[in-house]
Amino acid sequence: MVDLLIEAGSRTDLYAHNGATVLLGAVEQGYTPVVRRLLEAEADPDRSSSSGATALSVAAWKGDLQMIDLLLQFEADLDLRTTNGFTPLLAAAQQQQTAVVDLLLEAGANPNRANEVGGTAIGYAAFHGDLPTIQTLIKYKADPNKPAHDGFTPLMAAASKGHLHTIHMLVGNQGDVQARTNGGFTPLLIAIQEGQTDAVDVLLSIGADVRARSELGVGSLLLAALTGKDDLVTLLLKAGADVNAAIVLGTDEEIGSTPLMIASREGYMSIVHALLESGAHVHARTQAGFTALMLAEENGHEAIVQVFQSNDQAQMDKRHRPVELGI
């Protein structure tokens, strides 16, 4: 049928009702002989669909090595982007198609080309914990520290998902353990925020700064207190985290908030005890004037209130309570 249409002079670059060319449709269905015949009839391998998909990006997404090899024989553009900025290499990395990644890189694909949000192939591979793909990308000089537009690096991606072997591999290839997002979050802070205790342990063992704080002043223990994970708080305290590090930017209710205040507000009794035993200041106040005791009272955590009531300083603070609680 394809031969008859071509012989009759039909155009090979027409769009179907779904916005794809005949060639794209054949690639998507895996019809290699049809694709070859269309390419021989001078179908454009780089003509995109109305949604921006290209033949090579579709084949890469599907992991169709035979189709990719054929398209490359007809000089398909290795780094042509879809409308959302995805190159064939990025599509393959996101889909964990290691063999495709290797083939595209060997053919000359740019290992560091990013999409519209700054995402890179090694960043997507790190997010998935895809060690074989990361190894291949590093072999072809992918940058393990290239950040997305928000400053998020491959190491941060691995930390957020708790991929321990990936963390070790990236750091072993010059991944920056002290890198920061645009908001000042390090890989360690991100791992804490996501409750990845094992990843936190690994990052601390390779030199992550336990006292690093975001631009708002959010520190490691405050994030750990938010997770409610006792083991995470204990790990950070042993590593020397600042038990009284407070938020420095935000609303009046946020500025001055400490790990003890967060744990008291959320009702995490064991964390409250651990912080008090480590020297947390019970009399610390937010800029709006609230203490850990007040926050525990407002949120109905009576057992924690009783802990504070045994402390003379906390009782004195209670007498200087603000009129309204806005946190």
Protein backbone atom coordinates (compact mmCIF):
# COMPACT_ATOMS: atom_id res chain seq x y z
CA MET A 1 0.00 0.00 0.00
CA VAL A 2 2.81 2.44 0.90
CA ASP A 3 4.61 1.65 -2.36
CA LEU A 4 1.43 2.25 -4.35
CA LEU A 5 0.88 5.62 -2.66
CA ILE A 6 4.45 6.67 -3.24
CA GLU A 7 4.37 5.56 -6.85
CA ALA A 8 1.15 7.52 -7.28
CA GLY A 9 2.96 10.62 -6.13
CA SER A 10 1.38 10.94 -2.68
CA ARG A 11 3.23 13.25 -0.28
CA THR A 12 5.07 11.50 2.55
CA ASP A 13 4.95 14.46 4.94
CA LEU A 14 1.20 14.92 5.28
CA TYR A 15 -0.33 15.09 8.76
CA ALA A 16 -2.92 12.57 9.93
CA HIS A 17 -5.90 13.53 12.08
CA ASN A 18 -3.84 13.05 15.27
CA GLY A 19 -1.22 15.59 14.18
CA ALA A 20 1.41 13.00 13.24
CA THR A 21 3.01 12.46 9.84
CA VAL A 22 2.78 9.09 8.10
CA LEU A 23 6.41 8.50 9.05
CA LEU A 24 5.77 9.23 12.73
CA GLY A 25 2.82 6.88 12.74
CA ALA A 26 4.92 4.11 11.27
CA VAL A 27 7.70 4.73 13.81
CA GLU A 28 5.25 4.65 16.68
CA GLN A 29 3.82 1.32 15.47
CA GLY A 30 7.30 -0.14 14.95
CA TYR A 31 6.82 -0.72 11.21
CA THR A 32 10.50 -0.65 10.26
CA PRO A 33 10.10 -1.71 6.58
CA VAL A 34 7.47 1.00 6.09
CA VAL A 35 9.71 3.62 7.71
CA ARG A 36 12.59 2.58 5.47
CA ARG A 37 10.44 2.87 2.36
CA LEU A 38 9.19 6.30 3.41
CA LEU A 39 12.71 7.53 4.10
CA GLU A 40 13.90 6.21 0.77
CA ALA A 41 11.07 8.23 -0.77
CA GLU A 42 12.58 11.31 0.91
CA ALA A 43 10.25 11.61 3.89
CA ASP A 44 11.76 14.13 6.29
CA PRO A 45 13.03 12.23 9.39
CA ASP A 46 13.00 15.45 11.42
CA ARG A 47 9.48 16.65 10.65
CA SER A 48 7.66 16.88 13.96
CA SER A 49 4.05 16.27 14.85
CA SER A 50 1.73 19.11 15.83
CA SER A 51 2.62 18.30 19.45
CA GLY A 52 6.35 18.51 18.72
CA ALA A 53 7.21 14.79 18.71
CA THR A 54 9.94 13.69 16.29
CA ALA A 55 10.55 10.26 14.79
CA LEU A 56 13.81 9.82 16.69
CA SER A 57 12.36 10.96 20.02
CA VAL A 58 9.44 8.53 19.63
CA ALA A 59 11.77 5.65 18.80
CA ALA A 60 14.02 6.58 21.75
CA TRP A 61 11.05 6.74 24.12
CA LYS A 62 9.97 3.26 22.99
CA GLY A 63 13.49 1.83 23.14
CA ASP A 64 13.38 0.70 19.50
CA LEU A 65 17.07 0.27 18.68
CA GLN A 66 16.48 -1.01 15.15
CA MET A 67 14.30 1.99 14.34
CA ILE A 68 16.80 4.42 15.82
CA ASP A 69 19.62 2.91 13.78
CA LEU A 70 17.53 3.26 10.64
CA LEU A 71 16.64 6.89 11.34
CA LEU A 72 20.28 7.71 11.99
CA GLN A 73 21.21 6.14 8.65
CA PHE A 74 18.98 8.80 7.10
CA GLU A 75 20.62 11.54 9.19
CA ALA A 76 17.89 12.24 11.71
CA ASP A 77 18.91 15.14 13.98
CA LEU A 78 20.29 13.69 17.21
CA ASP A 79 19.60 16.78 19.29
CA LEU A 80 16.32 18.00 17.82
CA ARG A 81 13.96 19.03 20.63
CA THR A 82 10.25 18.45 21.07
CA THR A 83 8.05 21.39 22.05
CA ASN A 84 8.82 20.78 25.73
CA GLY A 85 12.54 20.64 25.03
CA PHE A 86 13.12 16.89 25.09
CA THR A 87 15.85 15.53 22.84
CA PRO A 88 15.90 11.82 21.93
CA LEU A 89 18.60 11.33 24.58
CA LEU A 90 16.47 12.96 27.27
CA ALA A 91 13.50 10.81 26.28
CA ALA A 92 15.61 7.66 26.50
CA ALA A 93 17.08 8.62 29.88
CA GLN A 94 13.67 9.41 31.33
CA GLN A 95 12.43 6.00 30.19
CA GLN A 96 15.56 4.25 31.52
CA GLN A 97 16.52 2.98 28.06
CA THR A 98 20.24 2.45 28.70
CA ALA A 99 20.98 0.76 25.37
CA VAL A 100 19.34 3.64 23.52
CA VAL A 101 21.30 6.18 25.56
CA ASP A 102 24.52 4.39 24.62
CA LEU A 103 23.60 4.26 20.92
CA LEU A 104 22.66 7.95 20.77
CA LEU A 105 25.79 9.06 22.60
CA GLU A 106 27.99 6.93 20.39
CA ALA A 107 26.34 8.58 17.39
CA GLY A 108 27.23 12.01 18.78
CA ALA A 109 24.26 13.17 20.87
CA ASN A 110 25.01 16.03 23.28
CA PRO A 111 25.08 14.47 26.79
CA ASN A 112 24.40 17.82 28.49
CA ARG A 113 21.54 19.20 26.40
CA ALA A 114 18.70 20.24 28.72
CA ASN A 115 14.93 20.59 28.26
CA GLU A 116 12.81 23.68 28.89
CA VAL A 117 13.08 23.36 32.69
CA GLY A 118 16.80 22.60 32.61
CA GLY A 119 16.44 18.86 33.13
CA THR A 120 19.32 16.75 31.83
CA ALA A 121 19.72 13.09 30.94
CA ILE A 122 21.93 12.42 33.94
CA GLY A 123 19.44 14.24 36.16
CA TYR A 124 16.60 11.98 35.04
CA ALA A 125 18.78 8.89 35.39
CA ALA A 126 19.74 9.96 38.92
CA PHE A 127 16.09 10.48 39.86
CA HIS A 128 15.37 6.89 38.81
CA GLY A 129 18.53 5.48 40.39
CA ASP A 130 19.49 4.14 36.96
CA LEU A 131 23.15 3.26 37.52
CA PRO A 132 23.89 1.74 34.08
CA THR A 133 22.57 4.86 32.32
CA ILE A 134 24.52 7.14 34.66
CA GLN A 135 27.71 5.16 33.99
CA THR A 136 27.16 5.49 30.26
CA LEU A 137 26.47 9.22 30.47
CA ILE A 138 29.54 9.85 32.62
CA LYS A 139 31.66 7.90 30.10
CA TYR A 140 30.53 10.42 27.49
CA LYS A 141 31.30 13.42 29.73
CA ALA A 142 27.86 14.25 31.09
CA ASP A 143 28.16 16.94 33.78
CA PRO A 144 27.15 15.45 37.18
CA ASN A 145 26.66 18.94 38.59
CA LYS A 146 24.67 20.63 35.84
CA PRO A 147 21.60 22.09 37.60
CA ALA A 148 18.08 22.52 36.33
CA HIS A 149 16.74 26.07 36.19
CA ASP A 150 15.71 25.85 39.87
CA GLY A 151 19.23 24.77 40.87
CA PHE A 152 18.27 21.12 41.37
CA THR A 153 21.26 18.88 40.58
CA PRO A 154 21.51 15.16 39.76
CA LEU A 155 22.83 14.48 43.28
CA MET A 156 19.80 16.22 44.75
CA ALA A 157 17.54 14.06 42.59
CA ALA A 158 19.22 10.91 43.88
CA ALA A 159 19.08 12.17 47.48
CA SER A 160 15.38 12.98 47.22
CA LYS A 161 14.59 9.40 46.25
CA GLY A 162 17.07 7.73 48.60
CA HIS A 163 19.16 6.09 45.86
CA LEU A 164 22.28 5.29 47.91
CA HIS A 165 24.39 3.68 45.18
CA THR A 166 23.59 6.57 42.86
CA ILE A 167 24.70 9.06 45.51
CA HIS A 168 28.02 7.24 45.86
CA MET A 169 28.51 7.07 42.09
CA LEU A 170 27.82 10.77 41.55
CA VAL A 171 30.01 11.90 44.44
CA GLY A 172 32.73 9.55 43.18
CA ASN A 173 32.55 11.43 39.86
CA GLN A 174 32.85 14.93 41.34
CA GLY A 175 29.20 15.39 42.29
CA ASP A 176 29.03 18.41 44.60
CA VAL A 177 27.62 17.46 48.00
CA GLN A 178 27.43 21.15 49.00
CA ALA A 179 25.57 22.38 45.88
CA ARG A 180 22.50 24.54 46.51
CA THR A 181 19.17 25.11 44.80
CA ASN A 182 18.01 28.65 44.06
CA GLY A 183 16.40 28.60 47.52
CA GLY A 184 19.57 27.44 49.23
CA PHE A 185 18.70 23.77 49.75
CA THR A 186 21.59 21.31 49.69
CA PRO A 187 21.36 17.58 48.82
CA LEU A 188 21.35 16.90 52.57
CA LEU A 189 18.45 19.27 53.27
CA ILE A 190 16.50 17.75 50.40
CA ALA A 191 17.09 14.21 51.67
CA ILE A 192 15.91 15.30 55.13
CA GLN A 193 12.82 17.00 53.73
CA GLU A 194 11.92 13.77 51.94
CA GLY A 195 12.53 11.68 55.06
CA GLN A 196 15.34 9.67 53.46
CA THR A 197 17.21 8.70 56.62
CA ASP A 198 19.67 6.31 54.95
CA ALA A 199 20.52 8.90 52.30
CA VAL A 200 21.09 11.47 55.04
CA ASP A 201 23.47 9.06 56.78
CA VAL A 202 25.41 8.51 53.54
CA LEU A 203 25.62 12.23 52.76
CA LEU A 204 26.87 13.01 56.26
CA SER A 205 29.51 10.30 55.94
CA ILE A 206 30.88 11.93 52.77
CA GLY A 207 31.09 15.43 54.15
CA ALA A 208 27.68 17.10 53.84
CA ASP A 209 27.38 20.15 56.12
CA VAL A 210 24.86 19.31 58.83
CA ARG A 211 24.61 23.01 59.77
CA ALA A 212 23.76 24.23 56.25
CA ARG A 213 20.59 26.32 56.09
CA SER A 214 18.36 27.51 53.28
CA GLU A 215 18.00 31.18 52.35
CA LEU A 216 15.02 31.35 54.71
CA GLY A 217 17.17 29.96 57.49
CA VAL A 218 15.56 26.51 57.43
CA GLY A 219 18.03 24.08 58.95
CA SER A 220 18.42 20.33 59.04
CA LEU A 221 16.76 19.75 62.42
CA LEU A 222 13.76 21.91 61.62
CA LEU A 223 13.12 19.88 58.47
CA ALA A 224 13.62 16.65 60.39
CA ALA A 225 11.16 17.79 63.04
CA LEU A 226 8.58 18.34 60.31
CA THR A 227 8.94 14.72 59.15
CA GLY A 228 8.27 13.38 62.64
CA LYS A 229 11.00 10.77 62.18
CA ASP A 230 12.78 10.08 65.47
CA ASP A 231 15.71 8.26 63.86
CA LEU A 232 16.37 11.18 61.54
CA VAL A 233 16.40 13.69 64.39
CA THR A 234 18.71 11.45 66.44
CA LEU A 235 21.10 11.05 63.51
CA LEU A 236 21.32 14.81 62.98
CA LEU A 237 21.80 15.57 66.65
CA LYS A 238 24.69 13.10 66.81
CA ALA A 239 26.19 14.77 63.73
CA GLY A 240 26.18 18.16 65.48
CA ALA A 241 23.14 19.88 64.01
CA ASP A 242 22.24 23.24 65.58
CA VAL A 243 19.36 22.46 67.92
CA ASN A 244 18.28 26.10 68.07
CA ALA A 245 18.66 27.15 64.43
CA ALA A 246 15.65 29.36 63.64
CA ILE A 247 13.97 30.61 60.49
CA VAL A 248 15.18 34.11 59.58
CA LEU A 249 12.85 35.09 56.72
CA GLY A 250 9.11 34.75 56.29
CA THR A 251 5.99 35.90 58.13
CA ASP A 252 6.05 37.08 61.74
CA GLU A 253 4.67 33.69 62.75
CA GLU A 254 7.47 31.88 60.86
CA ILE A 255 10.49 34.02 61.72
CA GLY A 256 12.18 32.66 64.82
CA SER A 257 10.60 29.20 64.56
CA THR A 258 12.90 26.51 65.95
CA PRO A 259 12.91 22.70 65.70
CA LEU A 260 11.40 22.54 69.21
CA MET A 261 8.51 24.76 68.19
CA ILE A 262 7.80 22.61 65.12
CA ALA A 263 7.88 19.37 67.09
CA SER A 264 5.64 20.89 69.78
CA ARG A 265 3.15 22.18 67.25
CA GLU A 266 2.98 18.82 65.46
CA GLY A 267 2.77 16.79 68.67
CA TYR A 268 5.96 14.75 68.27
CA MET A 269 6.64 13.94 71.92
CA SER A 270 9.78 11.82 71.44
CA ILE A 271 11.34 14.51 69.27
CA VAL A 272 10.48 17.18 71.86
CA HIS A 273 12.29 15.12 74.51
CA ALA A 274 15.32 14.59 72.26
CA LEU A 275 15.59 18.30 71.48
CA LEU A 276 15.22 19.33 75.13
CA GLU A 277 17.89 16.85 76.18
CA SER A 278 20.16 18.36 73.54
CA GLY A 279 19.75 21.90 74.87
CA ALA A 280 16.81 23.33 72.93
CA HIS A 281 15.75 26.74 74.29
CA VAL A 282 12.25 26.50 75.70
CA HIS A 283 11.95 30.28 75.95
CA ALA A 284 12.69 31.02 72.28
CA ARG A 285 9.94 33.01 70.56
CA THR A 286 8.82 33.62 67.03
CA GLN A 287 8.79 37.22 65.85
CA ALA A 288 5.07 37.20 66.63
CA GLY A 289 5.90 36.22 70.21
CA PHE A 290 4.98 32.52 70.42
CA THR A 291 6.89 29.81 72.28
CA ALA A 292 6.93 26.03 71.93
CA LEU A 293 4.61 25.76 74.96
CA MET A 294 2.04 28.07 73.38
CA LEU A 295 2.11 26.13 70.12
CA ALA A 296 1.59 22.83 71.94
CA GLU A 297 -1.37 24.31 73.83
CA GLU A 298 -3.00 25.77 70.74
CA ASN A 299 -2.81 22.43 68.95
CA GLY A 300 -4.12 20.36 71.84
CA HIS A 301 -0.97 18.40 72.66
CA GLU A 302 -1.55 18.11 76.42
CA ALA A 303 1.24 15.63 77.10
CA ILE A 304 3.77 18.03 75.59
CA VAL A 305 2.23 20.92 77.51
CA GLN A 306 2.84 18.97 80.73
CA VAL A 307 6.48 18.52 79.80
CA PHE A 308 6.87 22.26 79.45
CA GLN A 309 4.88 23.02 82.59
CA SER A 310 7.56 21.27 84.59
CA ASN A 311 10.00 23.87 83.32
CA ASP A 312 10.01 27.14 85.27
CA GLN A 313 11.23 29.18 82.30
CA ALA A 314 8.42 27.92 80.09
CA GLN A 315 5.87 28.80 82.75
CA MET A 316 7.25 32.32 82.95
CA ASP A 317 7.02 32.63 79.15
CA LYS A 318 3.38 31.58 79.29
CA ARG A 319 2.55 34.66 81.37
CA HIS A 320 3.77 36.85 78.49
CA ARG A 321 1.58 35.22 75.88
CA PRO A 322 0.56 37.24 72.75
CA VAL A 323 -3.12 38.02 72.32
CA GLU A 324 -3.63 35.90 69.17
CA LEU A 325 -1.87 32.92 67.65
CA GLY A 326 -1.44 33.20 63.92
CA ILE A 327 0.79 30.25 63.11
